Structures are given as C-alpha cells and as structure tokens.
Amino acid sequence: MELQKFTKLYANRYFLLIILFFGLVILLLPNILRDSPFIIGEESFYHLRIAKDILKQGIVNYDELSFSGRNNFMELGLGYSIALFSFITKLSVENSAMWLFLILGLVSLYLLYSIFKMLELEESMMTLPVLILSPPFIYLFTVINRYAIPLVLTLLIAYFLLKKRIYISIICFLLMPFFSYQFSILVLLASFLYLLYAKKKKLLLFVSLLAILIFLLILNDFNFSFISDFGGNLGLGVFGVFIVLIGLGFFWKRKRFIGLYFICLLLFLLYLKFYWIIFLLNILLCLLIAFSLLNLLKIEWESRLVRDLTVLLLVCGLLFSGVSFVKSLSDSMPNEELFEALNVIPDNSIVLSSIDKGHWISYAGKKNVIDSFTNFKNYKERESDINTLFKTKDLKTAISILDKYNVNFILINEQMKHELFWEDEGILYLLRYSNNFEKVYEKNNIEIWAYRK
C-alpha cells in the first residue's frame, strides 16, 4: 500500500516541482543560517580569487599569492565559468558563484529525475529526497569546488546517451577536462569497463579490475574518516550506511543489485584515496538506500506498527544526518574576525599560518607559504619544514626556516593553539621570548606576529 502511494506521488505532475523546491530549501539553508558574511570553505576562496583575476586580466597563467607565487597548474574551467556568470548577471563574484552552484544542484536533480524516468525505474524516484539530505550532495552544491560541474556533465552524458544523442554526449565529455582531469579519467575508465562488460569480455574485465585493485593497494595516505556524523569532513551519513548494509542482507539472498553493490565497493575503495569519488558514490548509495527502504515496506512483518516505527526511525536518521551537516557547514570557517585581522597586514606580505588558512590568506591579498593544494613541487618538504617550525624551540632552526620562505608575518588563532601547540611549546615560546618577533595584532583570539630579520 505504501509503495503504491509513493508510485502515485511519483506519477503526480507536481512531484518534480516538490523535489526541486525541497532541494532549493536544503541548499539555501547553510548560507541562510550562517552568521559570517563570507562564503563557506577553503578552496572556495581560491576559485573566487581566480575568477576576479580573470575579470581583470582575461587570462591567468601565474598565481602570485599561492605558495608565495607559482605557475597556475589548476584547471581553470570553474574560474572562467564564475567570471562569465558574473559578467552576464552583473552580480559580484561571490554571489555569482553561490547562484551558479545552486542552479547546478537543481539541474542535477532534474537530470536524475529524467534519467530514472527514461529507465522506467519508478522505485528509484525515492532516491531524490534521500540524495538531497545526504552530506556529499549538500556539500557539492553549497561549497564552491572543482567537482560540481564535472558531475553535472557526467549526468548530461548519461542523459543524452539515453536520448541517443551521441555527439552531444561526446561534447559534454570533451568539456570535462577543463574542470577536472581526474574526473575525466574516471569517466573514461568507467566507460571502458562498461564496454568490456557489454561485450562480455570477462577475462579482460577481470584483469582490468584486478589492476585497479593492485593500484589502490600500492597507494598510501588513505582517508578512513568517511562517516560525516562521526567527524568526517566530507563523508557518508551513519544511518545511510546502516540502511545500505540492511539492504545487502535482503538483496544477497535474492541475488538483486549485487552488481550495484560491487560497483559501490569499488568506488568506496577509490574514495579512500581520492575524496572526490564520494560525489559519484553517493548517488549510487542513495539509490541503494531507496531500494532498501522500499523493500522494508514490502516484506512481511509480524507487526505493522514495528515496521512503521522502524522505517520512521531510519528516515529520521537520514534527516538528522542532513540537518546536522547543514548546521556544521553554517558554523564553519572563515569568519569576519579572521579577515579583519588579515586586513592589518600589508598586501603582498608573506604570511605563515596553518595549511587550512592558506586560501583565506591569499584571498585577502597576502602571499601564503602553504595551502591545501598538494600537487605542488617540493610540497612535502615545505610541509615538513612548517611542522618543524611550529614544534621547535630552537631559535636558529626557526630563523632558517622563516628565511627560507621569506616569511614576514605569522598568524595564530585559538584553534591552532589547541591543535598544534601545548601551552608555550614550540614556536609559541619563541614568539613570546625572542626579540626577533613583535606582536602587531591581538583581537578575537587571533594573534599576528611580525618577524624582524
């Protein structure tokens, strides 16, 4: 009966409008609830800064502020897209980016709705509200990042392939490298594996999958914080994972969706190394969550009340994951106090702080020593030097590192004191007791020290 009710809801012409409105509300909430006038995220500020440079200069080949100056190795498709949107709408770069990503989020929901409809998968429509409440979806279309446009392009490729518009699909794929080389490679690899499966080249398919597994095993630096409810920066909801595992128990006996579970397992292993895989994996997991919840409604229960309460508890758990993630995003850095402190520092000065503040420093017009872009020459050496500097009480060691990177100012806030230092340990000791450093700012638990050579 419940399944029939949902099918009737899907068939209702207002279903898509309801989904789009629900998505609009959820994607707007993090910024509505936010006290800070600044947008959310770290990397967001890099893309905003590049978009502003594009509007001023046209072409940006060199980044003067990141890592104190480096060649611009990043894909610039997002920066040009934000700049173009700003140029057309006459909105600020910040507002343009927010509206662009909101539109991308709604377009992705429409494309998924259309794809499910063309595949005649009525039960899969429940995926859409589950997806809207998932932390990766909220993050993808709320925080300015490199992967939102590639994901939408991937959905466009699938949409036009189902429409048998092959040439348009090829155009969408050719656009993808301008936004993310990595995403392009993944889509190409997935297409190759699907072709092997369709052609029933079982041996070659097995060898290819084995090669991928071996590739993963030889990598290091895996990320195991994949539950967003337990502190994962960008991960899965614990209730969602639980529902997927419940579904596995049901479907394994009936030999249903085993292939889909296998694909999810493969993507999950990739996600442990490449965090952005979560955005694709999340769609498939939400599909499994929807199937699992509907299966719970269809199977025979001894007590209908117990069934309804169980499903209600799981749905409330999904709602909790989404709402708690929205609140977490709205409370995240940066805040107004940080940029107030950075404005005290002269432009083009070289500022040392923790890695997560690198993009905010460069957005404020200062040169950072390090930021979150790890694909930079001698990144590991630079990261090691900074860790040594933060921990050392030896003045000669500190001075040699500061001179090596031509540091002018050091910014420290309360968070850094708790996470990187212990009372007067490390560089905090030198800042307080050495004549080489002068405190030039202290407000809102933020300190700025000038380094006097």
Protein backbone atom coordinates (compact mmCIF):
# COMPACT_ATOMS: atom_id res chain seq x y z
CA MET A 1 0.00 0.00 0.00
CA GLU A 2 2.78 2.45 0.95
CA LEU A 3 4.66 1.60 -2.24
CA GLN A 4 1.53 2.26 -4.30
CA LYS A 5 1.11 5.61 -2.57
CA PHE A 6 4.66 6.57 -3.44
CA THR A 7 4.15 5.44 -7.06
CA LYS A 8 1.09 7.68 -7.26
CA LEU A 9 3.14 10.56 -5.84
CA TYR A 10 5.83 9.99 -8.47
CA ALA A 11 3.19 9.95 -11.21
CA ASN A 12 1.82 13.25 -9.94
CA ARG A 13 2.90 16.09 -12.21
CA TYR A 14 3.92 18.13 -9.17
CA PHE A 15 6.45 15.55 -7.94
CA LEU A 16 9.38 17.13 -9.79
CA LEU A 17 8.43 20.59 -8.54
CA ILE A 18 8.26 19.30 -4.97
CA ILE A 19 11.72 17.71 -5.33
CA LEU A 20 13.22 20.88 -6.82
CA PHE A 21 11.67 23.05 -4.10
CA PHE A 22 12.95 20.69 -1.39
CA GLY A 23 16.42 20.76 -2.96
CA LEU A 24 16.31 24.56 -3.17
CA VAL A 25 15.48 24.90 0.53
CA ILE A 26 18.18 22.48 1.70
CA LEU A 27 20.88 24.06 -0.48
CA LEU A 28 19.99 27.58 0.67
CA LEU A 29 19.93 26.73 4.38
CA PRO A 30 23.71 26.67 5.12
CA ASN A 31 24.16 30.25 3.89
CA ILE A 32 20.88 31.48 5.40
CA LEU A 33 21.88 30.15 8.84
CA ARG A 34 25.43 31.46 8.52
CA ASP A 35 26.49 34.39 10.73
CA SER A 36 29.61 35.17 8.70
CA PRO A 37 29.26 37.34 5.56
CA PHE A 38 31.87 35.15 3.85
CA ILE A 39 31.10 32.01 1.89
CA ILE A 40 31.84 28.51 3.17
CA GLY A 41 35.01 26.54 2.58
CA GLU A 42 38.73 26.84 1.99
CA GLU A 43 39.26 26.07 -1.68
CA SER A 44 36.19 28.20 -2.47
CA PHE A 45 38.27 31.32 -1.93
CA TYR A 46 40.89 30.19 -4.44
CA HIS A 47 38.26 29.88 -7.19
CA LEU A 48 36.71 33.23 -6.27
CA ARG A 49 40.11 34.92 -6.37
CA ILE A 50 40.94 33.38 -9.75
CA ALA A 51 37.54 34.44 -11.12
CA LYS A 52 38.25 38.03 -10.03
CA ASP A 53 41.68 37.91 -11.69
CA ILE A 54 40.09 36.60 -14.90
CA LEU A 55 37.63 39.51 -14.95
CA LYS A 56 40.55 41.93 -14.53
CA GLN A 57 43.24 40.29 -16.68
CA GLY A 58 41.42 37.92 -19.03
CA ILE A 59 43.97 35.08 -18.80
CA VAL A 60 45.65 33.89 -15.59
CA ASN A 61 48.85 31.88 -16.08
CA TYR A 62 50.66 32.73 -12.85
CA ASP A 63 49.38 32.81 -9.28
CA GLU A 64 51.35 35.37 -7.28
CA LEU A 65 49.77 34.61 -3.91
CA SER A 66 49.51 30.82 -3.57
CA PHE A 67 52.74 29.31 -2.17
CA SER A 68 54.20 32.85 -2.42
CA GLY A 69 53.98 32.57 -6.22
CA ARG A 70 53.70 29.61 -8.60
CA ASN A 71 52.62 28.67 -12.11
CA ASN A 72 48.88 28.08 -12.30
CA PHE A 73 48.63 24.31 -12.70
CA MET A 74 44.94 24.07 -11.76
CA GLU A 75 42.09 23.52 -14.22
CA LEU A 76 40.59 26.98 -14.69
CA GLY A 77 37.22 25.99 -16.13
CA LEU A 78 35.44 26.80 -12.87
CA GLY A 79 37.11 30.20 -12.54
CA TYR A 80 36.12 31.16 -16.10
CA SER A 81 32.56 29.88 -15.51
CA ILE A 82 32.14 32.02 -12.38
CA ALA A 83 33.68 35.02 -14.14
CA LEU A 84 31.36 34.58 -17.14
CA PHE A 85 28.30 34.24 -14.89
CA SER A 86 29.34 37.38 -13.02
CA PHE A 87 29.95 39.26 -16.27
CA ILE A 88 26.50 38.32 -17.65
CA THR A 89 24.48 38.86 -14.46
CA LYS A 90 26.49 41.86 -13.16
CA LEU A 91 26.48 40.20 -9.73
CA SER A 92 29.56 40.08 -7.53
CA VAL A 93 31.86 37.09 -7.99
CA GLU A 94 30.79 35.74 -4.59
CA ASN A 95 27.05 35.96 -5.34
CA SER A 96 27.59 34.63 -8.86
CA ALA A 97 29.34 31.54 -7.52
CA MET A 98 26.57 30.87 -4.98
CA TRP A 99 23.79 31.18 -7.58
CA LEU A 100 25.71 29.16 -10.16
CA PHE A 101 26.14 26.25 -7.75
CA LEU A 102 22.52 26.44 -6.64
CA ILE A 103 21.44 26.17 -10.28
CA LEU A 104 23.83 23.26 -10.83
CA GLY A 105 22.32 21.45 -7.84
CA LEU A 106 18.77 21.84 -9.21
CA VAL A 107 19.89 20.82 -12.71
CA SER A 108 21.46 17.65 -11.30
CA LEU A 109 18.15 16.74 -9.61
CA TYR A 110 16.25 17.33 -12.84
CA LEU A 111 18.70 15.18 -14.82
CA LEU A 112 18.49 12.32 -12.32
CA TYR A 113 14.69 12.54 -12.39
CA SER A 114 14.73 12.40 -16.20
CA ILE A 115 17.22 9.51 -16.28
CA PHE A 116 15.17 7.44 -13.82
CA LYS A 117 12.02 8.20 -15.81
CA MET A 118 13.60 7.12 -19.11
CA LEU A 119 14.81 3.90 -17.47
CA GLU A 120 11.25 3.36 -16.14
CA LEU A 121 12.57 2.86 -12.60
CA GLU A 122 9.67 4.18 -10.55
CA GLU A 123 11.09 2.89 -7.26
CA SER A 124 14.32 4.80 -7.87
CA MET A 125 12.46 8.12 -7.59
CA MET A 126 12.73 7.82 -3.80
CA THR A 127 16.46 8.29 -4.35
CA LEU A 128 15.94 12.02 -4.95
CA PRO A 129 14.76 13.09 -1.45
CA VAL A 130 17.38 10.77 0.10
CA LEU A 131 20.05 12.36 -2.10
CA ILE A 132 19.01 15.90 -1.17
CA LEU A 133 19.51 15.08 2.54
CA SER A 134 22.92 13.43 2.01
CA PRO A 135 26.01 15.37 3.24
CA PRO A 136 28.02 14.93 -0.01
CA PHE A 137 25.20 16.40 -2.13
CA ILE A 138 24.75 19.35 0.24
CA TYR A 139 28.50 20.00 0.23
CA LEU A 140 28.87 19.63 -3.54
CA PHE A 141 26.35 22.36 -4.37
CA THR A 142 26.89 24.64 -1.36
CA VAL A 143 30.69 24.89 -1.18
CA ILE A 144 32.47 26.18 -4.29
CA ASN A 145 34.53 23.24 -5.62
CA ARG A 146 36.01 21.73 -8.78
CA TYR A 147 33.72 18.72 -8.99
CA ALA A 148 30.15 20.07 -9.21
CA ILE A 149 30.33 20.89 -12.93
CA PRO A 150 32.05 17.57 -13.87
CA LEU A 151 29.32 15.66 -12.02
CA VAL A 152 26.60 17.56 -13.88
CA LEU A 153 28.45 16.91 -17.15
CA THR A 154 28.54 13.20 -16.27
CA LEU A 155 24.77 13.22 -15.75
CA LEU A 156 24.35 15.08 -19.05
CA ILE A 157 26.41 12.39 -20.79
CA ALA A 158 24.13 9.67 -19.38
CA TYR A 159 21.02 11.69 -20.24
CA PHE A 160 21.98 12.28 -23.87
CA LEU A 161 23.18 8.71 -24.33
CA LEU A 162 19.73 7.52 -23.28
CA LYS A 163 18.28 10.04 -25.73
CA LYS A 164 20.68 8.58 -28.37
CA ARG A 165 22.31 11.99 -28.85
CA ILE A 166 25.83 10.58 -29.05
CA TYR A 167 27.51 13.71 -30.39
CA ILE A 168 26.16 15.90 -27.58
CA SER A 169 27.44 13.33 -25.06
CA ILE A 170 30.88 13.49 -26.66
CA ILE A 171 30.85 17.30 -26.43
CA CYS A 172 29.98 17.08 -22.72
CA PHE A 173 32.88 14.69 -22.17
CA LEU A 174 35.32 16.92 -24.07
CA LEU A 175 34.36 19.84 -21.81
CA MET A 176 35.12 17.87 -18.64
CA PRO A 177 38.97 18.19 -18.62
CA PHE A 178 38.64 21.98 -18.38
CA PHE A 179 37.13 21.44 -14.94
CA SER A 180 38.78 18.24 -13.66
CA TYR A 181 41.33 15.96 -15.33
CA GLN A 182 40.77 13.36 -12.63
CA PHE A 183 37.01 13.23 -13.16
CA SER A 184 37.55 12.85 -16.90
CA ILE A 185 39.87 9.90 -16.39
CA LEU A 186 37.36 8.22 -14.07
CA VAL A 187 34.51 8.62 -16.58
CA LEU A 188 36.74 7.29 -19.37
CA LEU A 189 37.78 4.31 -17.23
CA ALA A 190 34.16 3.59 -16.27
CA SER A 191 33.15 3.71 -19.95
CA PHE A 192 35.93 1.27 -20.83
CA LEU A 193 34.89 -1.18 -18.10
CA TYR A 194 31.22 -0.95 -19.14
CA LEU A 195 32.21 -1.64 -22.75
CA LEU A 196 34.09 -4.76 -21.64
CA TYR A 197 31.01 -5.85 -19.66
CA ALA A 198 28.64 -5.21 -22.56
CA LYS A 199 30.91 -7.10 -24.98
CA LYS A 200 31.18 -9.95 -22.42
CA LYS A 201 34.98 -9.73 -22.34
CA LYS A 202 35.06 -11.37 -18.92
CA LEU A 203 38.79 -12.14 -18.78
CA LEU A 204 39.85 -8.63 -19.81
CA LEU A 205 37.29 -7.14 -17.42
CA PHE A 206 38.65 -9.26 -14.55
CA VAL A 207 42.26 -8.27 -15.37
CA SER A 208 41.28 -4.58 -15.52
CA LEU A 209 39.51 -4.73 -12.16
CA LEU A 210 42.44 -6.60 -10.64
CA ALA A 211 44.84 -3.94 -11.95
CA ILE A 212 42.70 -1.23 -10.33
CA LEU A 213 42.72 -3.12 -7.03
CA ILE A 214 46.52 -3.55 -7.13
CA PHE A 215 46.88 0.14 -7.94
CA LEU A 216 44.84 1.01 -4.86
CA LEU A 217 46.83 -1.32 -2.62
CA ILE A 218 50.19 0.26 -3.52
CA LEU A 219 48.90 3.74 -2.67
CA ASN A 220 49.16 5.24 0.80
CA ASP A 221 47.60 8.17 2.69
CA PHE A 222 44.17 6.61 2.82
CA ASN A 223 41.31 8.56 4.38
CA PHE A 224 39.34 6.44 6.86
CA SER A 225 37.18 9.30 8.26
CA PHE A 226 34.27 8.53 5.97
CA ILE A 227 31.33 8.92 8.39
CA SER A 228 30.21 12.57 8.45
CA ASP A 229 28.24 12.09 11.69
CA PHE A 230 31.43 10.94 13.47
CA GLY A 231 33.64 13.85 12.44
CA GLY A 232 34.38 13.01 8.82
CA ASN A 233 34.93 16.30 6.98
CA LEU A 234 33.09 15.04 3.93
CA GLY A 235 31.61 11.60 4.30
CA LEU A 236 28.57 9.39 4.47
CA GLY A 237 25.75 9.52 7.00
CA VAL A 238 25.86 6.69 9.53
CA PHE A 239 22.16 5.91 9.06
CA GLY A 240 22.61 5.76 5.30
CA VAL A 241 25.44 3.25 5.63
CA PHE A 242 23.35 1.22 8.07
CA ILE A 243 20.38 1.08 5.67
CA VAL A 244 22.64 0.02 2.78
CA LEU A 245 24.01 -2.85 4.89
CA ILE A 246 20.48 -3.91 5.85
CA GLY A 247 19.58 -3.94 2.16
CA LEU A 248 22.62 -6.07 1.38
CA GLY A 249 21.27 -8.78 3.68
CA PHE A 250 17.93 -8.79 1.85
CA PHE A 251 19.22 -8.50 -1.70
CA TRP A 252 22.07 -11.01 -1.33
CA LYS A 253 19.58 -13.84 -0.80
CA ARG A 254 17.54 -12.80 -3.84
CA LYS A 255 20.61 -12.04 -5.99
CA ARG A 256 19.34 -8.49 -6.63
CA PHE A 257 21.50 -5.41 -7.08
CA ILE A 258 24.69 -7.44 -6.45
CA GLY A 259 26.36 -5.69 -9.37
CA LEU A 260 25.39 -2.31 -7.95
CA TYR A 261 26.84 -3.26 -4.56
CA PHE A 262 30.06 -4.36 -6.26
CA ILE A 263 30.36 -1.03 -8.10
CA CYS A 264 29.79 0.79 -4.80
CA LEU A 265 32.53 -1.29 -3.16
CA LEU A 266 34.96 -0.44 -5.95
CA LEU A 267 34.12 3.27 -5.77
CA PHE A 268 34.41 3.16 -1.98
CA LEU A 269 37.96 1.79 -2.24
CA LEU A 270 38.79 4.59 -4.66
CA TYR A 271 37.20 7.10 -2.30
CA LEU A 272 39.58 6.11 0.50
CA LYS A 273 42.35 7.61 -1.62
CA PHE A 274 40.52 10.18 -3.78
CA TYR A 275 37.95 12.01 -1.65
CA TRP A 276 36.04 13.46 -4.62
CA ILE A 277 34.85 9.97 -5.63
CA ILE A 278 32.28 10.37 -2.83
CA PHE A 279 30.16 12.60 -5.08
CA LEU A 280 29.56 9.78 -7.57
CA LEU A 281 29.46 7.04 -4.94
CA ASN A 282 26.86 8.99 -3.00
CA ILE A 283 24.32 8.81 -5.86
CA LEU A 284 24.60 5.02 -6.06
CA LEU A 285 24.41 4.65 -2.28
CA CYS A 286 21.28 6.81 -2.18
CA LEU A 287 19.82 4.54 -4.85
CA LEU A 288 20.52 1.51 -2.63
CA ILE A 289 19.08 3.32 0.40
CA ALA A 290 15.87 4.00 -1.53
CA PHE A 291 15.59 0.37 -2.67
CA SER A 292 16.31 -0.87 0.86
CA LEU A 293 13.65 1.35 2.48
CA LEU A 294 11.04 0.33 -0.09
CA ASN A 295 11.98 -3.31 0.42
CA LEU A 296 11.41 -2.90 4.18
CA LEU A 297 7.90 -1.69 3.38
CA LYS A 298 7.19 -4.59 1.01
CA ILE A 299 8.33 -7.56 3.11
CA GLU A 300 6.02 -9.29 5.57
CA TRP A 301 6.28 -8.10 9.20
CA GLU A 302 4.64 -9.70 12.22
CA SER A 303 3.70 -6.24 13.45
CA ARG A 304 2.83 -3.39 11.12
CA LEU A 305 3.47 -0.93 13.95
CA VAL A 306 7.02 -2.22 14.42
CA ARG A 307 7.60 -1.94 10.68
CA ASP A 308 6.33 1.62 10.51
CA LEU A 309 8.34 2.69 13.56
CA THR A 310 11.50 1.05 12.16
CA VAL A 311 11.17 2.81 8.81
CA LEU A 312 10.31 6.09 10.56
CA LEU A 313 13.42 5.80 12.74
CA LEU A 314 15.64 5.19 9.70
CA VAL A 315 14.09 8.11 7.79
CA CYS A 316 14.55 10.38 10.82
CA GLY A 317 18.18 9.23 10.94
CA LEU A 318 18.68 10.32 7.33
CA LEU A 319 17.03 13.64 8.14
CA PHE A 320 19.32 14.05 11.16
CA SER A 321 22.44 13.46 9.04
CA GLY A 322 21.35 16.11 6.57
CA VAL A 323 20.28 18.71 9.12
CA SER A 324 23.38 18.23 11.30
CA PHE A 325 25.62 18.61 8.26
CA VAL A 326 23.79 21.80 7.23
CA LYS A 327 24.38 23.19 10.74
CA SER A 328 28.04 22.15 10.63
CA LEU A 329 28.54 23.94 7.30
CA SER A 330 26.82 27.10 8.50
CA ASP A 331 29.12 27.27 11.55
CA SER A 332 32.33 26.57 9.63
CA MET A 333 35.20 28.97 8.99
CA PRO A 334 36.08 31.52 7.82
CA ASN A 335 34.56 34.24 9.95
CA GLU A 336 34.64 38.01 9.82
CA GLU A 337 37.20 38.24 12.62
CA LEU A 338 39.82 36.35 10.58
CA PHE A 339 39.65 38.73 7.61
CA GLU A 340 39.60 41.71 9.96
CA ALA A 341 42.95 40.51 11.29
CA LEU A 342 44.35 39.82 7.81
CA ASN A 343 43.47 43.34 6.69
CA VAL A 344 46.03 44.66 9.20
CA ILE A 345 48.82 43.01 7.20
CA PRO A 346 50.16 44.94 4.15
CA ASP A 347 49.22 43.43 0.78
CA ASN A 348 51.73 41.05 -0.86
CA SER A 349 53.34 40.29 2.51
CA ILE A 350 54.21 36.62 3.03
CA VAL A 351 52.09 35.19 5.85
CA LEU A 352 52.66 31.88 7.61
CA SER A 353 49.78 30.05 9.27
CA SER A 354 48.27 26.57 9.28
CA ILE A 355 47.57 24.87 5.94
CA ASP A 356 43.80 25.32 6.16
CA LYS A 357 44.17 29.12 6.23
CA GLY A 358 46.28 29.33 3.07
CA HIS A 359 43.47 30.16 0.63
CA TRP A 360 41.94 32.71 3.01
CA ILE A 361 45.32 34.46 3.32
CA SER A 362 45.74 34.70 -0.46
CA TYR A 363 42.09 35.83 -0.90
CA ALA A 364 42.89 38.75 1.44
CA GLY A 365 45.69 39.83 -0.92
CA LYS A 366 48.63 38.32 1.01
CA LYS A 367 51.03 35.57 -0.07
CA ASN A 368 50.64 32.29 1.74
CA VAL A 369 53.51 29.92 2.47
CA ILE A 370 51.37 26.80 2.01
CA ASP A 371 47.78 25.87 1.24
CA SER A 372 45.74 22.73 0.61
CA PHE A 373 46.91 22.11 -2.97
CA THR A 374 49.30 19.22 -2.50
CA ASN A 375 50.30 18.78 -6.18
CA PHE A 376 53.00 21.43 -5.86
CA LYS A 377 56.72 20.94 -6.34
CA ASN A 378 58.50 20.18 -3.04
CA TYR A 379 55.18 20.23 -1.16
CA LYS A 380 56.29 17.50 1.26
CA GLU A 381 59.50 19.39 2.05
CA ARG A 382 57.58 22.60 2.66
CA GLU A 383 55.02 20.82 4.85
CA SER A 384 57.80 19.14 6.85
CA ASP A 385 59.60 22.47 7.36
CA ILE A 386 56.46 24.15 8.64
CA ASN A 387 55.71 21.29 11.05
CA THR A 388 59.27 21.54 12.32
CA LEU A 389 58.94 25.30 12.74
CA PHE A 390 55.73 25.00 14.75
CA LYS A 391 57.29 22.46 17.11
CA THR A 392 60.80 23.83 17.58
CA LYS A 393 62.06 25.97 20.46
CA ASP A 394 65.45 26.38 18.79
CA LEU A 395 65.78 29.95 17.50
CA LYS A 396 68.37 29.11 14.82
CA THR A 397 66.16 26.39 13.35
CA ALA A 398 63.15 28.70 13.35
CA ILE A 399 65.04 31.57 11.71
CA SER A 400 66.49 29.34 8.99
CA ILE A 401 63.02 28.11 8.01
CA LEU A 402 61.47 31.59 8.16
CA ASP A 403 64.26 32.99 5.99
CA LYS A 404 63.98 30.07 3.57
CA TYR A 405 60.39 31.05 2.77
CA ASN A 406 60.85 34.82 3.26
CA VAL A 407 58.13 34.98 5.92
CA ASN A 408 57.04 38.46 7.06
CA PHE A 409 54.17 37.66 9.43
CA ILE A 410 52.88 34.71 11.44
CA LEU A 411 49.14 34.34 12.15
CA ILE A 412 47.98 32.15 15.03
CA ASN A 413 44.44 31.67 16.32
CA GLU A 414 42.91 29.74 19.22
CA GLN A 415 42.25 26.65 17.08
CA MET A 416 45.93 26.39 16.16
CA LYS A 417 46.95 26.70 19.81
CA HIS A 418 44.75 23.72 20.71
CA GLU A 419 45.65 21.55 17.72
CA LEU A 420 49.31 22.36 17.02
CA PHE A 421 50.80 23.58 20.28
CA TRP A 422 50.81 22.86 24.00
CA GLU A 423 50.86 25.99 26.18
CA ASP A 424 54.21 27.69 25.47
CA GLU A 425 55.69 24.82 23.48
CA GLY A 426 57.25 25.19 20.04
CA ILE A 427 57.21 28.48 18.23
CA LEU A 428 54.84 29.99 20.80
CA TYR A 429 57.78 30.04 23.20
CA LEU A 430 59.98 31.86 20.66
CA LEU A 431 57.27 34.37 19.78
CA ARG A 432 56.96 35.40 23.42
CA TYR A 433 60.60 35.45 24.46
CA SER A 434 62.64 36.29 21.35
CA ASN A 435 63.39 39.81 20.14
CA ASN A 436 63.03 38.62 16.54
CA PHE A 437 59.25 38.69 16.84
CA GLU A 438 56.85 41.53 17.59
CA LYS A 439 53.13 41.16 18.25
CA VAL A 440 51.34 43.62 15.97
CA TYR A 441 47.76 42.42 16.45
CA GLU A 442 45.71 40.65 19.11
CA LYS A 443 41.94 40.51 18.97
CA ASN A 444 39.21 37.85 18.97
CA ASN A 445 41.75 35.17 19.97
CA ILE A 446 43.81 35.91 16.85
CA GLU A 447 47.45 36.97 17.10
CA ILE A 448 49.69 38.34 14.35
CA TRP A 449 53.43 38.44 14.89
CA ALA A 450 55.88 40.34 12.67
CA TYR A 451 59.20 38.62 12.01
CA ARG A 452 62.13 41.04 12.30
CA LYS A 453 65.20 39.74 10.49
